[in-house]
Amino acid sequence: QVQLVESGGGLVQAGDSLSLSCAVSGRTFSSYAMGWFRQAPGKEREFVVALNWSGSSRVYADSVKGRFTISKDNAKNTVHLQMNSLKPEDTAVYYCAAGSWPLTTQYEAYYWGQGTQVTVSS
């Protein structure tokens, strides 16, 4: 089993930055691809970004490319999502996920965090 706990969400203004963290416990951290998904009110959960198990490959949704960066700290079993130049349309609950590469669909996720709210005001 793997447990994922997100933190770092909040309310920011358009153009601001925010960093999310996902603490991973349980089975070997480096065994899985790690990623972030988000779900806005009334919409389906959508892929944001993923990182392969070795940290050598990343894939980003077009909507966040150039603004968001995913990274991992193997020593701390933590995955980070740095979000810059935030827009109101980035408002959503952000979920950390662990699963199989490329982890760009929900069907590739084995484990989910509980989610953290990010709200971007205009």
N, C-alpha and C. Protein backbone atom coordinates (compact mmCIF):
# COMPACT_ATOMS: atom_id res chain seq x y z
N GLN A 1 0.83 -1.20 0.00
CA GLN A 1 0.00 0.00 0.00
C GLN A 1 0.86 1.25 0.00
N VAL A 2 0.34 2.30 -0.59
CA VAL A 2 1.01 3.59 -0.65
C VAL A 2 0.02 4.64 -0.15
N GLN A 3 0.49 5.50 0.71
CA GLN A 3 -0.34 6.61 1.20
C GLN A 3 0.24 7.92 0.68
N LEU A 4 -0.65 8.77 0.19
CA LEU A 4 -0.26 10.06 -0.37
C LEU A 4 -0.99 11.16 0.38
N VAL A 5 -0.26 12.17 0.83
CA VAL A 5 -0.86 13.28 1.55
C VAL A 5 -0.38 14.58 0.94
N GLU A 6 -1.31 15.34 0.36
CA GLU A 6 -0.98 16.62 -0.27
C GLU A 6 -1.03 17.74 0.76
N SER A 7 -0.29 18.79 0.47
CA SER A 7 -0.32 20.00 1.27
C SER A 7 0.09 21.17 0.38
N GLY A 8 -0.22 22.38 0.86
CA GLY A 8 0.25 23.58 0.16
C GLY A 8 -0.79 24.34 -0.62
N GLY A 9 -2.01 23.85 -0.68
CA GLY A 9 -3.03 24.58 -1.41
C GLY A 9 -3.41 25.89 -0.72
N GLY A 10 -4.18 26.69 -1.40
CA GLY A 10 -4.61 27.95 -0.80
C GLY A 10 -5.25 28.87 -1.81
N LEU A 11 -5.46 30.11 -1.38
CA LEU A 11 -6.06 31.15 -2.21
C LEU A 11 -4.98 32.14 -2.62
N VAL A 12 -4.83 32.35 -3.92
CA VAL A 12 -3.84 33.29 -4.44
C VAL A 12 -4.49 34.14 -5.53
N GLN A 13 -3.76 35.17 -5.94
CA GLN A 13 -4.25 36.01 -7.03
C GLN A 13 -3.62 35.58 -8.35
N ALA A 14 -4.28 35.93 -9.43
CA ALA A 14 -3.75 35.62 -10.75
C ALA A 14 -2.34 36.19 -10.89
N GLY A 15 -1.45 35.37 -11.44
CA GLY A 15 -0.07 35.77 -11.60
C GLY A 15 0.84 35.33 -10.47
N ASP A 16 0.26 34.93 -9.36
CA ASP A 16 1.05 34.49 -8.22
C ASP A 16 1.58 33.07 -8.44
N SER A 17 2.41 32.64 -7.49
CA SER A 17 2.96 31.29 -7.50
C SER A 17 2.50 30.54 -6.26
N LEU A 18 2.51 29.22 -6.38
CA LEU A 18 2.12 28.36 -5.27
C LEU A 18 2.83 27.04 -5.44
N SER A 19 3.23 26.44 -4.33
CA SER A 19 3.90 25.14 -4.38
C SER A 19 3.09 24.12 -3.61
N LEU A 20 2.84 22.99 -4.23
CA LEU A 20 2.16 21.88 -3.59
C LEU A 20 3.18 20.78 -3.29
N SER A 21 2.92 20.05 -2.22
CA SER A 21 3.76 18.91 -1.87
C SER A 21 2.91 17.68 -1.67
N CYS A 22 3.51 16.54 -1.94
CA CYS A 22 2.84 15.26 -1.75
C CYS A 22 3.81 14.34 -1.01
N ALA A 23 3.47 14.04 0.23
CA ALA A 23 4.29 13.14 1.04
C ALA A 23 3.85 11.71 0.78
N VAL A 24 4.81 10.85 0.47
CA VAL A 24 4.52 9.48 0.08
C VAL A 24 5.05 8.52 1.15
N SER A 25 4.22 7.60 1.58
CA SER A 25 4.65 6.58 2.54
C SER A 25 4.11 5.23 2.09
N GLY A 26 4.73 4.18 2.61
CA GLY A 26 4.30 2.85 2.24
C GLY A 26 5.36 2.14 1.43
N ARG A 27 4.96 1.59 0.28
CA ARG A 27 5.89 0.86 -0.55
C ARG A 27 6.93 1.79 -1.16
N THR A 28 7.95 1.20 -1.73
CA THR A 28 9.09 1.94 -2.23
C THR A 28 8.67 3.10 -3.11
N PHE A 29 9.08 4.28 -2.69
CA PHE A 29 8.73 5.53 -3.37
C PHE A 29 9.14 5.52 -4.82
N SER A 30 10.32 5.00 -5.09
CA SER A 30 10.86 5.08 -6.44
C SER A 30 10.29 4.04 -7.39
N SER A 31 9.35 3.22 -6.93
CA SER A 31 8.79 2.18 -7.79
C SER A 31 7.74 2.70 -8.75
N TYR A 32 7.21 3.88 -8.48
CA TYR A 32 6.06 4.37 -9.23
C TYR A 32 6.35 5.67 -9.96
N ALA A 33 5.62 5.86 -11.04
CA ALA A 33 5.53 7.20 -11.62
C ALA A 33 4.65 8.02 -10.67
N MET A 34 4.95 9.31 -10.58
CA MET A 34 4.20 10.20 -9.72
C MET A 34 3.62 11.32 -10.57
N GLY A 35 2.45 11.78 -10.18
CA GLY A 35 1.84 12.84 -10.98
C GLY A 35 0.81 13.63 -10.22
N TRP A 36 0.30 14.64 -10.89
CA TRP A 36 -0.76 15.49 -10.35
C TRP A 36 -1.91 15.57 -11.34
N PHE A 37 -3.09 15.49 -10.80
CA PHE A 37 -4.32 15.70 -11.55
C PHE A 37 -5.09 16.81 -10.85
N ARG A 38 -6.08 17.34 -11.52
CA ARG A 38 -6.92 18.36 -10.88
C ARG A 38 -8.36 18.21 -11.33
N GLN A 39 -9.25 18.68 -10.49
CA GLN A 39 -10.67 18.61 -10.80
C GLN A 39 -11.34 19.91 -10.39
N ALA A 40 -11.88 20.61 -11.36
CA ALA A 40 -12.62 21.84 -11.11
C ALA A 40 -14.09 21.50 -10.92
N PRO A 41 -14.83 22.38 -10.26
CA PRO A 41 -16.26 22.12 -10.02
C PRO A 41 -17.01 21.86 -11.32
N GLY A 42 -17.76 20.78 -11.34
CA GLY A 42 -18.56 20.46 -12.51
C GLY A 42 -17.79 19.86 -13.67
N LYS A 43 -16.51 19.62 -13.48
CA LYS A 43 -15.68 19.06 -14.56
C LYS A 43 -15.08 17.73 -14.14
N GLU A 44 -14.61 16.98 -15.12
CA GLU A 44 -13.94 15.73 -14.84
C GLU A 44 -12.51 15.99 -14.36
N ARG A 45 -11.99 15.00 -13.65
CA ARG A 45 -10.60 15.10 -13.22
C ARG A 45 -9.70 15.04 -14.45
N GLU A 46 -8.71 15.93 -14.49
CA GLU A 46 -7.84 16.00 -15.66
C GLU A 46 -6.38 15.91 -15.28
N PHE A 47 -5.60 15.41 -16.20
CA PHE A 47 -4.16 15.27 -16.02
C PHE A 47 -3.49 16.64 -16.02
N VAL A 48 -2.49 16.79 -15.15
CA VAL A 48 -1.71 18.03 -15.09
C VAL A 48 -0.25 17.76 -15.47
N VAL A 49 0.41 16.87 -14.74
CA VAL A 49 1.83 16.61 -14.97
C VAL A 49 2.21 15.28 -14.36
N ALA A 50 3.22 14.62 -14.93
CA ALA A 50 3.71 13.35 -14.38
C ALA A 50 5.22 13.26 -14.51
N LEU A 51 5.80 12.45 -13.62
CA LEU A 51 7.25 12.26 -13.56
C LEU A 51 7.50 10.76 -13.47
N ASN A 52 8.42 10.24 -14.28
CA ASN A 52 8.64 8.80 -14.22
C ASN A 52 9.42 8.41 -12.97
N TRP A 53 9.54 7.11 -12.72
CA TRP A 53 10.07 6.65 -11.45
C TRP A 53 11.49 7.11 -11.20
N SER A 54 12.28 7.25 -12.28
CA SER A 54 13.67 7.66 -12.11
C SER A 54 13.84 9.17 -12.06
N GLY A 55 12.79 9.88 -12.41
CA GLY A 55 12.89 11.34 -12.43
C GLY A 55 13.50 11.88 -13.70
N SER A 56 13.70 11.04 -14.69
CA SER A 56 14.38 11.45 -15.91
C SER A 56 13.42 11.96 -16.99
N SER A 57 12.14 11.68 -16.86
CA SER A 57 11.18 12.09 -17.87
C SER A 57 9.96 12.74 -17.22
N ARG A 58 9.49 13.78 -17.87
CA ARG A 58 8.31 14.50 -17.40
C ARG A 58 7.36 14.70 -18.58
N VAL A 59 6.09 14.75 -18.28
CA VAL A 59 5.10 15.08 -19.29
C VAL A 59 4.11 16.05 -18.67
N TYR A 60 3.77 17.09 -19.43
CA TYR A 60 2.92 18.15 -18.94
C TYR A 60 1.68 18.30 -19.84
N ALA A 61 0.57 18.65 -19.22
CA ALA A 61 -0.59 19.05 -20.00
C ALA A 61 -0.26 20.37 -20.70
N ASP A 62 -0.79 20.56 -21.89
CA ASP A 62 -0.50 21.78 -22.64
C ASP A 62 -0.89 23.03 -21.86
N SER A 63 -1.94 22.92 -21.07
CA SER A 63 -2.46 24.09 -20.36
C SER A 63 -1.52 24.59 -19.27
N VAL A 64 -0.58 23.77 -18.84
CA VAL A 64 0.32 24.19 -17.76
C VAL A 64 1.78 24.21 -18.19
N LYS A 65 2.05 23.80 -19.41
CA LYS A 65 3.44 23.74 -19.89
C LYS A 65 4.08 25.11 -19.83
N GLY A 66 5.28 25.15 -19.26
CA GLY A 66 5.99 26.41 -19.13
C GLY A 66 5.67 27.16 -17.86
N ARG A 67 4.63 26.75 -17.15
CA ARG A 67 4.24 27.42 -15.89
C ARG A 67 4.40 26.52 -14.68
N PHE A 68 4.15 25.23 -14.85
CA PHE A 68 4.22 24.28 -13.73
C PHE A 68 5.46 23.40 -13.87
N THR A 69 6.01 23.01 -12.72
CA THR A 69 7.17 22.12 -12.73
C THR A 69 7.00 21.06 -11.65
N ILE A 70 7.21 19.82 -12.01
CA ILE A 70 7.15 18.72 -11.04
C ILE A 70 8.57 18.27 -10.70
N SER A 71 8.77 17.93 -9.43
CA SER A 71 10.07 17.43 -9.00
C SER A 71 9.85 16.45 -7.85
N LYS A 72 10.88 15.68 -7.55
CA LYS A 72 10.77 14.74 -6.44
C LYS A 72 12.03 14.78 -5.59
N ASP A 73 11.85 14.52 -4.32
CA ASP A 73 12.94 14.46 -3.37
C ASP A 73 12.94 13.04 -2.81
N ASN A 74 13.83 12.21 -3.32
CA ASN A 74 13.84 10.80 -2.91
C ASN A 74 14.20 10.65 -1.44
N ALA A 75 15.04 11.52 -0.93
CA ALA A 75 15.45 11.43 0.47
C ALA A 75 14.28 11.68 1.41
N LYS A 76 13.34 12.52 0.96
CA LYS A 76 12.20 12.87 1.81
C LYS A 76 10.90 12.21 1.35
N ASN A 77 10.99 11.37 0.32
CA ASN A 77 9.79 10.71 -0.22
C ASN A 77 8.68 11.72 -0.50
N THR A 78 9.05 12.78 -1.19
CA THR A 78 8.11 13.86 -1.44
C THR A 78 8.15 14.26 -2.90
N VAL A 79 6.98 14.59 -3.43
CA VAL A 79 6.86 15.12 -4.78
C VAL A 79 6.34 16.55 -4.67
N HIS A 80 6.90 17.44 -5.48
CA HIS A 80 6.53 18.84 -5.42
C HIS A 80 5.94 19.28 -6.76
N LEU A 81 5.01 20.20 -6.68
CA LEU A 81 4.48 20.84 -7.89
C LEU A 81 4.60 22.34 -7.70
N GLN A 82 5.50 22.93 -8.44
CA GLN A 82 5.68 24.39 -8.42
C GLN A 82 4.81 24.99 -9.50
N MET A 83 3.91 25.87 -9.10
CA MET A 83 2.96 26.48 -10.04
C MET A 83 3.22 27.98 -10.09
N ASN A 84 3.60 28.46 -11.26
CA ASN A 84 3.87 29.88 -11.47
C ASN A 84 2.86 30.48 -12.43
N SER A 85 2.77 31.79 -12.41
CA SER A 85 1.87 32.51 -13.32
C SER A 85 0.47 31.89 -13.29
N LEU A 86 -0.05 31.73 -12.11
CA LEU A 86 -1.34 31.06 -11.96
C LEU A 86 -2.47 31.89 -12.59
N LYS A 87 -3.44 31.17 -13.12
CA LYS A 87 -4.59 31.78 -13.77
C LYS A 87 -5.87 31.33 -13.07
N PRO A 88 -6.94 32.10 -13.19
CA PRO A 88 -8.21 31.67 -12.56
C PRO A 88 -8.65 30.29 -13.03
N GLU A 89 -8.33 29.93 -14.25
CA GLU A 89 -8.73 28.61 -14.75
C GLU A 89 -7.91 27.48 -14.16
N ASP A 90 -6.91 27.80 -13.37
CA ASP A 90 -6.16 26.77 -12.64
C ASP A 90 -6.87 26.38 -11.34
N THR A 91 -7.92 27.09 -11.00
CA THR A 91 -8.67 26.79 -9.78
C THR A 91 -9.25 25.38 -9.84
N ALA A 92 -8.93 24.57 -8.84
CA ALA A 92 -9.37 23.18 -8.80
C ALA A 92 -8.89 22.52 -7.51
N VAL A 93 -9.37 21.33 -7.27
CA VAL A 93 -8.77 20.47 -6.25
C VAL A 93 -7.67 19.68 -6.94
N TYR A 94 -6.47 19.75 -6.39
CA TYR A 94 -5.31 19.08 -6.97
C TYR A 94 -5.04 17.79 -6.22
N TYR A 95 -4.90 16.71 -6.99
CA TYR A 95 -4.69 15.38 -6.43
C TYR A 95 -3.33 14.84 -6.83
N CYS A 96 -2.61 14.32 -5.87
CA CYS A 96 -1.37 13.61 -6.12
C CYS A 96 -1.71 12.15 -6.45
N ALA A 97 -0.96 11.56 -7.37
CA ALA A 97 -1.23 10.18 -7.76
C ALA A 97 0.08 9.42 -7.95
N ALA A 98 0.02 8.13 -7.70
CA ALA A 98 1.14 7.22 -7.94
C ALA A 98 0.63 6.09 -8.82
N GLY A 99 1.41 5.74 -9.83
CA GLY A 99 0.95 4.68 -10.73
C GLY A 99 1.97 4.31 -11.76
N SER A 100 1.47 3.90 -12.94
CA SER A 100 2.37 3.46 -14.00
C SER A 100 2.58 4.57 -15.02
N TRP A 101 3.77 4.64 -15.54
CA TRP A 101 4.13 5.65 -16.57
C TRP A 101 3.38 5.37 -17.86
N PRO A 102 2.87 6.42 -18.52
CA PRO A 102 3.15 7.83 -18.33
C PRO A 102 2.23 8.55 -17.35
N LEU A 103 1.29 7.83 -16.77
CA LEU A 103 0.40 8.39 -15.75
C LEU A 103 -0.29 9.67 -16.25
N THR A 104 -0.83 9.59 -17.45
CA THR A 104 -1.54 10.74 -18.01
C THR A 104 -3.05 10.54 -18.00
N THR A 105 -3.50 9.39 -17.55
CA THR A 105 -4.94 9.14 -17.39
C THR A 105 -5.20 8.57 -16.00
N GLN A 106 -6.42 8.72 -15.55
CA GLN A 106 -6.78 8.23 -14.22
C GLN A 106 -6.63 6.71 -14.13
N TYR A 107 -6.73 6.02 -15.26
CA TYR A 107 -6.69 4.57 -15.26
C TYR A 107 -5.29 4.03 -14.98
N GLU A 108 -4.29 4.90 -15.08
CA GLU A 108 -2.92 4.51 -14.80
C GLU A 108 -2.52 4.78 -13.36
N ALA A 109 -3.41 5.39 -12.60
CA ALA A 109 -3.13 5.71 -11.21
C ALA A 109 -3.57 4.58 -10.30
N TYR A 110 -2.67 4.15 -9.43
CA TYR A 110 -2.98 3.09 -8.48
C TYR A 110 -3.43 3.68 -7.13
N TYR A 111 -2.83 4.82 -6.78
CA TYR A 111 -3.09 5.43 -5.48
C TYR A 111 -3.34 6.92 -5.67
N TRP A 112 -4.20 7.46 -4.79
CA TRP A 112 -4.56 8.87 -4.83
C TRP A 112 -4.42 9.49 -3.44
N GLY A 113 -4.08 10.77 -3.44
CA GLY A 113 -4.17 11.54 -2.22
C GLY A 113 -5.58 12.05 -2.03
N GLN A 114 -5.79 12.77 -0.94
CA GLN A 114 -7.14 13.25 -0.62
C GLN A 114 -7.48 14.55 -1.35
N GLY A 115 -6.48 15.20 -1.90
CA GLY A 115 -6.69 16.44 -2.65
C GLY A 115 -6.45 17.67 -1.80
N THR A 116 -6.04 18.74 -2.47
CA THR A 116 -5.86 20.03 -1.82
C THR A 116 -6.41 21.12 -2.74
N GLN A 117 -7.13 22.07 -2.16
CA GLN A 117 -7.81 23.10 -2.95
C GLN A 117 -6.85 24.22 -3.34
N VAL A 118 -6.87 24.57 -4.60
CA VAL A 118 -6.15 25.73 -5.10
C VAL A 118 -7.18 26.67 -5.74
N THR A 119 -7.22 27.89 -5.25
CA THR A 119 -8.16 28.88 -5.78
C THR A 119 -7.36 30.10 -6.24
N VAL A 120 -7.58 30.48 -7.50
CA VAL A 120 -6.88 31.62 -8.07
C VAL A 120 -7.92 32.69 -8.40
N SER A 121 -7.81 33.82 -7.76
CA SER A 121 -8.75 34.91 -7.99
C SER A 121 -8.23 35.84 -9.08
N SER A 122 -9.16 36.44 -9.80
CA SER A 122 -8.75 37.33 -10.91
C SER A 122 -8.57 38.76 -10.44
